[in-house]
Each structure stands twice: as C-alpha cells, then as structure tokens.
Amino acid sequence: MKPFKQENKKRRILKKMYLGEFAMLGFEVGCKTNITDFERYDVFVDDFIDYIDSLGLCFGGGGLEIFEGFICVSERYKNVTEEQKALVVAWLEAREEVSSVEASELLDANYF
C-alpha cells in the first residue's frame, strides 16, 4: 500500500484518516498451543479475552493449535503501550497451554 503524504493535509483530515498523531497503534500476536478440544479452547479464549479487557484492549483473531490475531486499544485514537504488549506476552507465556509466543512491533492498526 502506498503511504499517505501527511504534510499537505489539515489536522481534521489526518484525524478522519487516522494518520499522524491520530494513528492507532497495536500489535500482532501469535502462539502455538497444545489445545486439541473445543472445551479447553473456550476456557482459554474466555480467560484471554477477560485479561485483554482488563487492560483496556481488544482482540481480533483466533485459532485452535495456532492462536493468532491483532490487539489494539478499545478507545478511539489511543495506542497500545510497550508495557501493555509485554503484559500480554507474559500472560500468554505463563499459560500451560502455550508452547511459544511471538509478537510484532507496534503497527498502525488501520494501515498495516
């Protein structure tokens, strides 16, 4: 995708296009699990979503043996912090169902 030029746009246009100071940063996360049945999967996902919600974040994604998706802030024009990212990765690494975790750098949620 061709990047947008920001220097010739007014602030309200930047806001409408989620550019510059209005960009919403999030990150991709993925992990390998040893989950093979849907009952354990439901428990894992419910626990994960409850934890993500407690941090003020939201998650889009899923998967059984390879669980992956994108995490961003629930609030408009807010960014995920490196501390929040570290908390999510640490939570996943602490789960017995998870064998490995990978997380991307912070990315623009609207243009990655």
PDB file of N, CA and C in Angstrom:
ATOM      1  N   MET A   1       0.838  -1.172   0.000  1.00  0.00           N
ATOM      2  CA  MET A   1       0.000   0.000   0.000  1.00  0.00           C
ATOM      3  C   MET A   1       0.887   1.241   0.000  1.00  0.00           C
ATOM      4  N   LYS A   2       0.563   2.186  -0.812  1.00  0.00           N
ATOM      5  CA  LYS A   2       1.317   3.429  -0.908  1.00  0.00           C
ATOM      6  C   LYS A   2       1.029   4.290   0.326  1.00  0.00           C
ATOM      7  N   PRO A   3       2.074   4.746   1.026  1.00  0.00           N
ATOM      8  CA  PRO A   3       1.840   5.571   2.215  1.00  0.00           C
ATOM      9  C   PRO A   3       1.254   6.930   1.840  1.00  0.00           C
ATOM     10  N   PHE A   4       0.434   7.451   2.722  1.00  0.00           N
ATOM     11  CA  PHE A   4      -0.191   8.750   2.502  1.00  0.00           C
ATOM     12  C   PHE A   4       0.770   9.861   2.891  1.00  0.00           C
ATOM     13  N   LYS A   5       0.775  10.922   2.098  1.00  0.00           N
ATOM     14  CA  LYS A   5       1.552  12.104   2.457  1.00  0.00           C
ATOM     15  C   LYS A   5       0.767  12.855   3.525  1.00  0.00           C
ATOM     16  N   GLN A   6       1.429  13.176   4.600  1.00  0.00           N
ATOM     17  CA  GLN A   6       0.751  13.835   5.699  1.00  0.00           C
ATOM     18  C   GLN A   6       0.995  15.337   5.746  1.00  0.00           C
ATOM     19  N   GLU A   7       2.095  15.781   5.133  1.00  0.00           N
ATOM     20  CA  GLU A   7       2.480  17.179   5.293  1.00  0.00           C
ATOM     21  C   GLU A   7       1.527  18.165   4.627  1.00  0.00           C
ATOM     22  N   ASN A   8       0.744  17.732   3.645  1.00  0.00           N
ATOM     23  CA  ASN A   8      -0.153  18.679   2.988  1.00  0.00           C
ATOM     24  C   ASN A   8      -1.612  18.500   3.422  1.00  0.00           C
ATOM     25  N   LYS A   9      -1.841  17.794   4.520  1.00  0.00           N
ATOM     26  CA  LYS A   9      -3.206  17.565   4.983  1.00  0.00           C
ATOM     27  C   LYS A   9      -3.486  18.351   6.258  1.00  0.00           C
ATOM     28  N   LYS A  10      -4.698  18.847   6.344  1.00  0.00           N
ATOM     29  CA  LYS A  10      -5.114  19.575   7.544  1.00  0.00           C
ATOM     30  C   LYS A  10      -5.350  18.585   8.676  1.00  0.00           C
ATOM     31  N   ARG A  11      -5.342  19.103   9.883  1.00  0.00           N
ATOM     32  CA  ARG A  11      -5.470  18.266  11.078  1.00  0.00           C
ATOM     33  C   ARG A  11      -6.766  17.458  11.083  1.00  0.00           C
ATOM     34  N   ARG A  12      -7.867  18.023  10.646  1.00  0.00           N
ATOM     35  CA  ARG A  12      -9.137  17.291  10.667  1.00  0.00           C
ATOM     36  C   ARG A  12      -9.129  16.135   9.672  1.00  0.00           C
ATOM     37  N   ILE A  13      -8.405  16.295   8.553  1.00  0.00           N
ATOM     38  CA  ILE A  13      -8.285  15.206   7.575  1.00  0.00           C
ATOM     39  C   ILE A  13      -7.404  14.095   8.149  1.00  0.00           C
ATOM     40  N   LEU A  14      -6.324  14.489   8.817  1.00  0.00           N
ATOM     41  CA  LEU A  14      -5.475  13.492   9.467  1.00  0.00           C
ATOM     42  C   LEU A  14      -6.288  12.686  10.482  1.00  0.00           C
ATOM     43  N   LYS A  15      -7.167  13.372  11.206  1.00  0.00           N
ATOM     44  CA  LYS A  15      -7.995  12.702  12.200  1.00  0.00           C
ATOM     45  C   LYS A  15      -8.959  11.721  11.542  1.00  0.00           C
ATOM     46  N   LYS A  16      -9.583  12.123  10.456  1.00  0.00           N
ATOM     47  CA  LYS A  16     -10.529  11.248   9.752  1.00  0.00           C
ATOM     48  C   LYS A  16      -9.834  10.036   9.142  1.00  0.00           C
ATOM     49  N   MET A  17      -8.564  10.213   8.747  1.00  0.00           N
ATOM     50  CA  MET A  17      -7.828   9.126   8.110  1.00  0.00           C
ATOM     51  C   MET A  17      -6.956   8.343   9.098  1.00  0.00           C
ATOM     52  N   TYR A  18      -7.037   8.693  10.390  1.00  0.00           N
ATOM     53  CA  TYR A  18      -6.246   8.032  11.438  1.00  0.00           C
ATOM     54  C   TYR A  18      -4.751   8.078  11.116  1.00  0.00           C
ATOM     55  N   LEU A  19      -4.260   9.244  10.744  1.00  0.00           N
ATOM     56  CA  LEU A  19      -2.851   9.422  10.399  1.00  0.00           C
ATOM     57  C   LEU A  19      -2.157  10.324  11.410  1.00  0.00           C
ATOM     58  N   GLY A  20      -0.830  10.276  11.393  1.00  0.00           N
ATOM     59  CA  GLY A  20      -0.043  11.165  12.252  1.00  0.00           C
ATOM     60  C   GLY A  20      -0.336  10.939  13.715  1.00  0.00           C
ATOM     61  N   GLU A  21      -0.659  12.013  14.413  1.00  0.00           N
ATOM     62  CA  GLU A  21      -0.933  11.921  15.848  1.00  0.00           C
ATOM     63  C   GLU A  21      -2.202  11.117  16.152  1.00  0.00           C
ATOM     64  N   PHE A  22      -3.022  10.841  15.139  1.00  0.00           N
ATOM     65  CA  PHE A  22      -4.273  10.109  15.329  1.00  0.00           C
ATOM     66  C   PHE A  22      -4.167   8.631  14.965  1.00  0.00           C
ATOM     67  N   ALA A  23      -2.977   8.191  14.611  1.00  0.00           N
ATOM     68  CA  ALA A  23      -2.774   6.775  14.292  1.00  0.00           C
ATOM     69  C   ALA A  23      -3.050   5.936  15.541  1.00  0.00           C
ATOM     70  N   MET A  24      -3.611   4.773  15.336  1.00  0.00           N
ATOM     71  CA  MET A  24      -3.908   3.851  16.438  1.00  0.00           C
ATOM     72  C   MET A  24      -2.946   2.668  16.329  1.00  0.00           C
ATOM     73  N   LEU A  25      -2.021   2.591  17.279  1.00  0.00           N
ATOM     74  CA  LEU A  25      -1.017   1.538  17.234  1.00  0.00           C
ATOM     75  C   LEU A  25      -1.475   0.302  18.002  1.00  0.00           C
ATOM     76  N   GLY A  26      -1.188  -0.843  17.430  1.00  0.00           N
ATOM     77  CA  GLY A  26      -1.472  -2.125  18.056  1.00  0.00           C
ATOM     78  C   GLY A  26      -0.388  -3.102  17.640  1.00  0.00           C
ATOM     79  N   PHE A  27      -0.607  -4.388  17.913  1.00  0.00           N
ATOM     80  CA  PHE A  27       0.400  -5.376  17.528  1.00  0.00           C
ATOM     81  C   PHE A  27      -0.242  -6.715  17.220  1.00  0.00           C
ATOM     82  N   GLU A  28       0.454  -7.449  16.356  1.00  0.00           N
ATOM     83  CA  GLU A  28       0.040  -8.807  16.036  1.00  0.00           C
ATOM     84  C   GLU A  28       0.644  -9.738  17.073  1.00  0.00           C
ATOM     85  N   VAL A  29      -0.129 -10.736  17.479  1.00  0.00           N
ATOM     86  CA  VAL A  29       0.363 -11.721  18.432  1.00  0.00           C
ATOM     87  C   VAL A  29      -0.031 -13.103  17.939  1.00  0.00           C
ATOM     88  N   GLY A  30       0.847 -14.045  18.159  1.00  0.00           N
ATOM     89  CA  GLY A  30       0.570 -15.420  17.772  1.00  0.00           C
ATOM     90  C   GLY A  30       1.224 -16.370  18.748  1.00  0.00           C
ATOM     91  N   CYS A  31       0.585 -17.509  18.987  1.00  0.00           N
ATOM     92  CA  CYS A  31       1.179 -18.504  19.864  1.00  0.00           C
ATOM     93  C   CYS A  31       0.756 -19.900  19.433  1.00  0.00           C
ATOM     94  N   LYS A  32       1.635 -20.848  19.706  1.00  0.00           N
ATOM     95  CA  LYS A  32       1.317 -22.249  19.469  1.00  0.00           C
ATOM     96  C   LYS A  32       0.769 -22.819  20.762  1.00  0.00           C
ATOM     97  N   THR A  33      -0.308 -23.576  20.652  1.00  0.00           N
ATOM     98  CA  THR A  33      -0.917 -24.171  21.834  1.00  0.00           C
ATOM     99  C   THR A  33      -0.970 -25.686  21.680  1.00  0.00           C
ATOM    100  N   ASN A  34      -1.195 -26.352  22.789  1.00  0.00           N
ATOM    101  CA  ASN A  34      -1.412 -27.795  22.763  1.00  0.00           C
ATOM    102  C   ASN A  34      -2.896 -28.127  22.934  1.00  0.00           C
ATOM    103  N   ILE A  35      -3.743 -27.169  22.638  1.00  0.00           N
ATOM    104  CA  ILE A  35      -5.195 -27.347  22.767  1.00  0.00           C
ATOM    105  C   ILE A  35      -5.698 -28.140  21.566  1.00  0.00           C
ATOM    106  N   THR A  36      -6.417 -29.216  21.856  1.00  0.00           N
ATOM    107  CA  THR A  36      -6.961 -30.035  20.770  1.00  0.00           C
ATOM    108  C   THR A  36      -8.474 -30.191  20.843  1.00  0.00           C
ATOM    109  N   ASP A  37      -9.084 -29.754  21.946  1.00  0.00           N
ATOM    110  CA  ASP A  37     -10.544 -29.872  22.040  1.00  0.00           C
ATOM    111  C   ASP A  37     -11.164 -28.507  22.321  1.00  0.00           C
ATOM    112  N   PHE A  38     -12.403 -28.367  21.924  1.00  0.00           N
ATOM    113  CA  PHE A  38     -13.069 -27.069  21.980  1.00  0.00           C
ATOM    114  C   PHE A  38     -13.432 -26.628  23.393  1.00  0.00           C
ATOM    115  N   GLU A  39     -13.584 -27.543  24.328  1.00  0.00           N
ATOM    116  CA  GLU A  39     -13.876 -27.150  25.707  1.00  0.00           C
ATOM    117  C   GLU A  39     -12.696 -26.398  26.315  1.00  0.00           C
ATOM    118  N   ARG A  40     -11.489 -26.942  26.153  1.00  0.00           N
ATOM    119  CA  ARG A  40     -10.289 -26.251  26.642  1.00  0.00           C
ATOM    120  C   ARG A  40     -10.067 -24.946  25.885  1.00  0.00           C
ATOM    121  N   TYR A  41     -10.373 -24.952  24.594  1.00  0.00           N
ATOM    122  CA  TYR A  41     -10.235 -23.747  23.772  1.00  0.00           C
ATOM    123  C   TYR A  41     -11.149 -22.637  24.287  1.00  0.00           C
ATOM    124  N   ASP A  42     -12.394 -22.990  24.593  1.00  0.00           N
ATOM    125  CA  ASP A  42     -13.338 -21.989  25.110  1.00  0.00           C
ATOM    126  C   ASP A  42     -12.844 -21.379  26.421  1.00  0.00           C
ATOM    127  N   VAL A  43     -12.325 -22.212  27.315  1.00  0.00           N
ATOM    128  CA  VAL A  43     -11.798 -21.717  28.590  1.00  0.00           C
ATOM    129  C   VAL A  43     -10.611 -20.788  28.346  1.00  0.00           C
ATOM    130  N   PHE A  44      -9.696 -21.204  27.470  1.00  0.00           N
ATOM    131  CA  PHE A  44      -8.516 -20.394  27.157  1.00  0.00           C
ATOM    132  C   PHE A  44      -8.922 -19.038  26.567  1.00  0.00           C
ATOM    133  N   VAL A  45      -9.808 -19.063  25.587  1.00  0.00           N
ATOM    134  CA  VAL A  45     -10.233 -17.810  24.934  1.00  0.00           C
ATOM    135  C   VAL A  45     -10.963 -16.908  25.921  1.00  0.00           C
ATOM    136  N   ASP A  46     -11.855 -17.479  26.740  1.00  0.00           N
ATOM    137  CA  ASP A  46     -12.565 -16.661  27.735  1.00  0.00           C
ATOM    138  C   ASP A  46     -11.593 -16.000  28.702  1.00  0.00           C
ATOM    139  N   ASP A  47     -10.609 -16.760  29.189  1.00  0.00           N
ATOM    140  CA  ASP A  47      -9.601 -16.197  30.092  1.00  0.00           C
ATOM    141  C   ASP A  47      -8.793 -15.104  29.401  1.00  0.00           C
ATOM    142  N   PHE A  48      -8.409 -15.348  28.149  1.00  0.00           N
ATOM    143  CA  PHE A  48      -7.614 -14.377  27.388  1.00  0.00           C
ATOM    144  C   PHE A  48      -8.396 -13.082  27.164  1.00  0.00           C
ATOM    145  N   ILE A  49      -9.636 -13.209  26.743  1.00  0.00           N
ATOM    146  CA  ILE A  49     -10.460 -12.014  26.495  1.00  0.00           C
ATOM    147  C   ILE A  49     -10.709 -11.244  27.787  1.00  0.00           C
ATOM    148  N   ASP A  50     -10.954 -11.943  28.889  1.00  0.00           N
ATOM    149  CA  ASP A  50     -11.129 -11.264  30.177  1.00  0.00           C
ATOM    150  C   ASP A  50      -9.866 -10.481  30.543  1.00  0.00           C
ATOM    151  N   TYR A  51      -8.695 -11.074  30.310  1.00  0.00           N
ATOM    152  CA  TYR A  51      -7.442 -10.391  30.622  1.00  0.00           C
ATOM    153  C   TYR A  51      -7.232  -9.183  29.708  1.00  0.00           C
ATOM    154  N   ILE A  52      -7.468  -9.371  28.425  1.00  0.00           N
ATOM    155  CA  ILE A  52      -7.311  -8.274  27.461  1.00  0.00           C
ATOM    156  C   ILE A  52      -8.250  -7.116  27.817  1.00  0.00           C
ATOM    157  N   ASP A  53      -9.507  -7.450  28.150  1.00  0.00           N
ATOM    158  CA  ASP A  53     -10.473  -6.413  28.543  1.00  0.00           C
ATOM    159  C   ASP A  53     -10.013  -5.657  29.786  1.00  0.00           C
ATOM    160  N   SER A  54      -9.411  -6.368  30.736  1.00  0.00           N
ATOM    161  CA  SER A  54      -8.952  -5.714  31.965  1.00  0.00           C
ATOM    162  C   SER A  54      -7.844  -4.697  31.693  1.00  0.00           C
ATOM    163  N   LEU A  55      -7.140  -4.875  30.586  1.00  0.00           N
ATOM    164  CA  LEU A  55      -6.088  -3.919  30.199  1.00  0.00           C
ATOM    165  C   LEU A  55      -6.615  -2.785  29.320  1.00  0.00           C
ATOM    166  N   GLY A  56      -7.914  -2.822  28.986  1.00  0.00           N
ATOM    167  CA  GLY A  56      -8.497  -1.807  28.106  1.00  0.00           C
ATOM    168  C   GLY A  56      -8.191  -2.048  26.644  1.00  0.00           C
ATOM    169  N   LEU A  57      -7.890  -3.290  26.296  1.00  0.00           N
ATOM    170  CA  LEU A  57      -7.537  -3.638  24.921  1.00  0.00           C
ATOM    171  C   LEU A  57      -8.640  -4.483  24.297  1.00  0.00           C
ATOM    172  N   CYS A  58      -8.551  -4.661  22.983  1.00  0.00           N
ATOM    173  CA  CYS A  58      -9.474  -5.563  22.288  1.00  0.00           C
ATOM    174  C   CYS A  58      -8.666  -6.442  21.343  1.00  0.00           C
ATOM    175  N   PHE A  59      -9.231  -7.616  21.021  1.00  0.00           N
ATOM    176  CA  PHE A  59      -8.523  -8.623  20.247  1.00  0.00           C
ATOM    177  C   PHE A  59      -9.400  -9.104  19.114  1.00  0.00           C
ATOM    178  N   GLY A  60      -8.793  -9.262  17.951  1.00  0.00           N
ATOM    179  CA  GLY A  60      -9.477  -9.873  16.816  1.00  0.00           C
ATOM    180  C   GLY A  60      -8.619 -10.996  16.291  1.00  0.00           C
ATOM    181  N   GLY A  61      -9.167 -12.199  16.268  1.00  0.00           N
ATOM    182  CA  GLY A  61      -8.406 -13.342  15.786  1.00  0.00           C
ATOM    183  C   GLY A  61      -8.902 -14.625  16.406  1.00  0.00           C
ATOM    184  N   GLY A  62      -8.068 -15.633  16.400  1.00  0.00           N
ATOM    185  CA  GLY A  62      -8.420 -16.917  16.990  1.00  0.00           C
ATOM    186  C   GLY A  62      -7.570 -18.018  16.407  1.00  0.00           C
ATOM    187  N   GLY A  63      -8.028 -19.244  16.581  1.00  0.00           N
ATOM    188  CA  GLY A  63      -7.308 -20.407  16.092  1.00  0.00           C
ATOM    189  C   GLY A  63      -7.142 -21.423  17.194  1.00  0.00           C
ATOM    190  N   LEU A  64      -7.121 -22.671  16.835  1.00  0.00           N
ATOM    191  CA  LEU A  64      -7.053 -23.730  17.837  1.00  0.00           C
ATOM    192  C   LEU A  64      -5.602 -24.038  18.224  1.00  0.00           C
ATOM    193  N   GLU A  65      -4.848 -24.669  17.363  1.00  0.00           N
ATOM    194  CA  GLU A  65      -3.464 -25.004  17.698  1.00  0.00           C
ATOM    195  C   GLU A  65      -2.505 -23.853  17.438  1.00  0.00           C
ATOM    196  N   ILE A  66      -2.848 -22.985  16.514  1.00  0.00           N
ATOM    197  CA  ILE A  66      -2.099 -21.743  16.298  1.00  0.00           C
ATOM    198  C   ILE A  66      -3.091 -20.609  16.527  1.00  0.00           C
ATOM    199  N   PHE A  67      -2.938 -19.947  17.663  1.00  0.00           N
ATOM    200  CA  PHE A  67      -3.829 -18.874  18.083  1.00  0.00           C
ATOM    201  C   PHE A  67      -3.155 -17.563  17.725  1.00  0.00           C
ATOM    202  N   GLU A  68      -3.793 -16.754  16.854  1.00  0.00           N
ATOM    203  CA  GLU A  68      -3.162 -15.509  16.423  1.00  0.00           C
ATOM    204  C   GLU A  68      -4.209 -14.451  16.136  1.00  0.00           C
ATOM    205  N   GLY A  69      -3.756 -13.189  16.185  1.00  0.00           N
ATOM    206  CA  GLY A  69      -4.655 -12.086  15.897  1.00  0.00           C
ATOM    207  C   GLY A  69      -3.971 -10.748  16.119  1.00  0.00           C
ATOM    208  N   PHE A  70      -4.797  -9.720  16.215  1.00  0.00           N
ATOM    209  CA  PHE A  70      -4.306  -8.351  16.365  1.00  0.00           C
ATOM    210  C   PHE A  70      -4.911  -7.756  17.621  1.00  0.00           C
ATOM    211  N   ILE A  71      -4.098  -7.037  18.378  1.00  0.00           N
ATOM    212  CA  ILE A  71      -4.546  -6.396  19.618  1.00  0.00           C
ATOM    213  C   ILE A  71      -4.381  -4.890  19.477  1.00  0.00           C
ATOM    214  N   CYS A  72      -5.439  -4.161  19.818  1.00  0.00           N
ATOM    215  CA  CYS A  72      -5.380  -2.696  19.829  1.00  0.00           C
ATOM    216  C   CYS A  72      -6.184  -2.196  21.033  1.00  0.00           C
ATOM    217  N   VAL A  73      -6.182  -0.898  21.226  1.00  0.00           N
ATOM    218  CA  VAL A  73      -6.891  -0.291  22.351  1.00  0.00           C
ATOM    219  C   VAL A  73      -8.363  -0.136  21.991  1.00  0.00           C
ATOM    220  N   SER A  74      -9.219  -0.357  22.970  1.00  0.00           N
ATOM    221  CA  SER A  74     -10.663  -0.244  22.761  1.00  0.00           C
ATOM    222  C   SER A  74     -11.094   1.190  22.495  1.00  0.00           C
ATOM    223  N   GLU A  75     -10.371   2.145  23.062  1.00  0.00           N
ATOM    224  CA  GLU A  75     -10.720   3.548  22.936  1.00  0.00           C
ATOM    225  C   GLU A  75     -10.180   4.149  21.638  1.00  0.00           C
ATOM    226  N   ARG A  76     -10.920   5.040  21.064  1.00  0.00           N
ATOM    227  CA  ARG A  76     -10.530   5.671  19.806  1.00  0.00           C
ATOM    228  C   ARG A  76      -9.331   6.599  19.991  1.00  0.00           C
ATOM    229  N   TYR A  77      -8.425   6.588  19.032  1.00  0.00           N
ATOM    230  CA  TYR A  77      -7.228   7.435  18.990  1.00  0.00           C
ATOM    231  C   TYR A  77      -6.247   7.153  20.135  1.00  0.00           C
ATOM    232  N   LYS A  78      -6.274   5.970  20.687  1.00  0.00           N
ATOM    233  CA  LYS A  78      -5.323   5.581  21.735  1.00  0.00           C
ATOM    234  C   LYS A  78      -4.406   4.497  21.188  1.00  0.00           C
ATOM    235  N   ASN A  79      -3.236   4.370  21.761  1.00  0.00           N
ATOM    236  CA  ASN A  79      -2.244   3.403  21.317  1.00  0.00           C
ATOM    237  C   ASN A  79      -1.965   2.363  22.385  1.00  0.00           C
ATOM    238  N   VAL A  80      -1.634   1.170  21.961  1.00  0.00           N
ATOM    239  CA  VAL A  80      -1.124   0.154  22.872  1.00  0.00           C
ATOM    240  C   VAL A  80       0.267   0.598  23.299  1.00  0.00           C
ATOM    241  N   THR A  81       0.587   0.427  24.554  1.00  0.00           N
ATOM    242  CA  THR A  81       1.924   0.777  25.033  1.00  0.00           C
ATOM    243  C   THR A  81       2.814  -0.469  25.012  1.00  0.00           C
ATOM    244  N   GLU A  82       4.103  -0.249  25.071  1.00  0.00           N
ATOM    245  CA  GLU A  82       5.046  -1.366  25.144  1.00  0.00           C
ATOM    246  C   GLU A  82       4.813  -2.171  26.429  1.00  0.00           C
ATOM    247  N   GLU A  83       4.399  -1.489  27.510  1.00  0.00           N
ATOM    248  CA  GLU A  83       4.125  -2.175  28.771  1.00  0.00           C
ATOM    249  C   GLU A  83       2.926  -3.112  28.629  1.00  0.00           C
ATOM    250  N   GLN A  84       1.866  -2.645  27.964  1.00  0.00           N
ATOM    251  CA  GLN A  84       0.697  -3.496  27.741  1.00  0.00           C
ATOM    252  C   GLN A  84       1.066  -4.705  26.877  1.00  0.00           C
ATOM    253  N   LYS A  85       1.862  -4.460  25.861  1.00  0.00           N
ATOM    254  CA  LYS A  85       2.309  -5.555  24.990  1.00  0.00           C
ATOM    255  C   LYS A  85       3.090  -6.575  25.801  1.00  0.00           C
ATOM    256  N   ALA A  86       3.997  -6.118  26.653  1.00  0.00           N
ATOM    257  CA  ALA A  86       4.795  -7.024  27.482  1.00  0.00           C
ATOM    258  C   ALA A  86       3.909  -7.819  28.436  1.00  0.00           C
ATOM    259  N   LEU A  87       2.873  -7.181  28.975  1.00  0.00           N
ATOM    260  CA  LEU A  87       1.944  -7.876  29.873  1.00  0.00           C
ATOM    261  C   LEU A  87       1.199  -8.986  29.152  1.00  0.00           C
ATOM    262  N   VAL A  88       0.753  -8.723  27.938  1.00  0.00           N
ATOM    263  CA  VAL A  88       0.027  -9.730  27.153  1.00  0.00           C
ATOM    264  C   VAL A  88       0.940 -10.907  26.832  1.00  0.00           C
ATOM    265  N   VAL A  89       2.156 -10.619  26.387  1.00  0.00           N
ATOM    266  CA  VAL A  89       3.110 -11.683  26.051  1.00  0.00           C
ATOM    267  C   VAL A  89       3.429 -12.509  27.300  1.00  0.00           C
ATOM    268  N   ALA A  90       3.654 -11.845  28.439  1.00  0.00           N
ATOM    269  CA  ALA A  90       3.955 -12.559  29.680  1.00  0.00           C
ATOM    270  C   ALA A  90       2.778 -13.436  30.110  1.00  0.00           C
ATOM    271  N   TRP A  91       1.557 -12.928  29.955  1.00  0.00           N
ATOM    272  CA  TRP A  91       0.371 -13.716  30.318  1.00  0.00           C
ATOM    273  C   TRP A  91       0.286 -14.976  29.463  1.00  0.00           C
ATOM    274  N   LEU A  92       0.505 -14.824  28.168  1.00  0.00           N
ATOM    275  CA  LEU A  92       0.457 -15.987  27.279  1.00  0.00           C
ATOM    276  C   LEU A  92       1.571 -16.981  27.602  1.00  0.00           C
ATOM    277  N   GLU A  93       2.773 -16.488  27.865  1.00  0.00           N
ATOM    278  CA  GLU A  93       3.891 -17.379  28.172  1.00  0.00           C
ATOM    279  C   GLU A  93       3.669 -18.141  29.478  1.00  0.00           C
ATOM    280  N   ALA A  94       2.907 -17.568  30.396  1.00  0.00           N
ATOM    281  CA  ALA A  94       2.648 -18.209  31.687  1.00  0.00           C
ATOM    282  C   ALA A  94       1.594 -19.313  31.603  1.00  0.00           C
ATOM    283  N   ARG A  95       0.852 -19.368  30.518  1.00  0.00           N
ATOM    284  CA  ARG A  95      -0.201 -20.385  30.374  1.00  0.00           C
ATOM    285  C   ARG A  95       0.406 -21.735  30.028  1.00  0.00           C
ATOM    286  N   GLU A  96      -0.112 -22.775  30.659  1.00  0.00           N
ATOM    287  CA  GLU A  96       0.402 -24.122  30.387  1.00  0.00           C
ATOM    288  C   GLU A  96       0.030 -24.617  28.996  1.00  0.00           C
ATOM    289  N   GLU A  97      -1.037 -24.060  28.403  1.00  0.00           N
ATOM    290  CA  GLU A  97      -1.467 -24.488  27.072  1.00  0.00           C
ATOM    291  C   GLU A  97      -0.564 -23.965  25.960  1.00  0.00           C
ATOM    292  N   VAL A  98       0.228 -22.935  26.262  1.00  0.00           N
ATOM    293  CA  VAL A  98       1.012 -22.232  25.246  1.00  0.00           C
ATOM    294  C   VAL A  98       2.458 -22.721  25.250  1.00  0.00           C
ATOM    295  N   SER A  99       2.955 -23.082  24.070  1.00  0.00           N
ATOM    296  CA  SER A  99       4.342 -23.540  23.971  1.00  0.00           C
ATOM    297  C   SER A  99       5.297 -22.458  23.469  1.00  0.00           C
ATOM    298  N   SER A 100       4.815 -21.524  22.638  1.00  0.00           N
ATOM    299  CA  SER A 100       5.667 -20.425  22.174  1.00  0.00           C
ATOM    300  C   SER A 100       4.795 -19.220  21.824  1.00  0.00           C
ATOM    301  N   VAL A 101       5.379 -18.032  21.961  1.00  0.00           N
ATOM    302  CA  VAL A 101       4.653 -16.780  21.714  1.00  0.00           C
ATOM    303  C   VAL A 101       5.502 -15.884  20.830  1.00  0.00           C
ATOM    304  N   GLU A 102       4.862 -15.234  19.862  1.00  0.00           N
ATOM    305  CA  GLU A 102       5.521 -14.233  19.025  1.00  0.00           C
ATOM    306  C   GLU A 102       4.637 -12.987  18.984  1.00  0.00           C
ATOM    307  N   ALA A 103       5.278 -11.827  19.042  1.00  0.00           N
ATOM    308  CA  ALA A 103       4.550 -10.567  18.952  1.00  0.00           C
ATOM    309  C   ALA A 103       5.308  -9.628  18.023  1.00  0.00           C
ATOM    310  N   SER A 104       4.568  -8.873  17.221  1.00  0.00           N
ATOM    311  CA  SER A 104       5.189  -7.920  16.297  1.00  0.00           C
ATOM    312  C   SER A 104       5.515  -6.626  17.005  1.00  0.00           C
ATOM    313  N   GLU A 105       6.206  -5.764  16.312  1.00  0.00           N
ATOM    314  CA  GLU A 105       6.388  -4.389  16.781  1.00  0.00           C
ATOM    315  C   GLU A 105       5.039  -3.697  16.747  1.00  0.00           C
ATOM    316  N   LEU A 106       4.948  -2.528  17.352  1.00  0.00           N
ATOM    317  CA  LEU A 106       3.697  -1.770  17.290  1.00  0.00           C
ATOM    318  C   LEU A 106       3.477  -1.293  15.858  1.00  0.00           C
ATOM    319  N   LEU A 107       2.278  -1.526  15.358  1.00  0.00           N
ATOM    320  CA  LEU A 107       1.909  -1.199  13.973  1.00  0.00           C
ATOM    321  C   LEU A 107       0.684  -0.310  13.969  1.00  0.00           C
ATOM    322  N   ASP A 108       0.528   0.459  12.907  1.00  0.00           N
ATOM    323  CA  ASP A 108      -0.682   1.256  12.723  1.00  0.00           C
ATOM    324  C   ASP A 108      -1.837   0.314  12.415  1.00  0.00           C
ATOM    325  N   ALA A 109      -2.826   0.273  13.286  1.00  0.00           N
ATOM    326  CA  ALA A 109      -3.932  -0.669  13.172  1.00  0.00           C
ATOM    327  C   ALA A 109      -4.753  -0.471  11.894  1.00  0.00           C
ATOM    328  N   ASN A 110      -4.751   0.718  11.352  1.00  0.00           N
ATOM    329  CA  ASN A 110      -5.569   0.987  10.172  1.00  0.00           C
ATOM    330  C   ASN A 110      -4.823   0.801   8.858  1.00  0.00           C
ATOM    331  N   TYR A 111      -3.494   0.741   8.899  1.00  0.00           N
ATOM    332  CA  TYR A 111      -2.734   0.700   7.652  1.00  0.00           C
ATOM    333  C   TYR A 111      -1.600  -0.314   7.661  1.00  0.00           C
ATOM    334  N   PHE A 112      -1.699  -1.394   8.414  1.00  0.00           N
ATOM    335  CA  PHE A 112      -0.604  -2.375   8.382  1.00  0.00           C
ATOM    336  C   PHE A 112      -0.834  -3.418   7.330  1.00  0.00           C
TER     337      PHE A 112
END
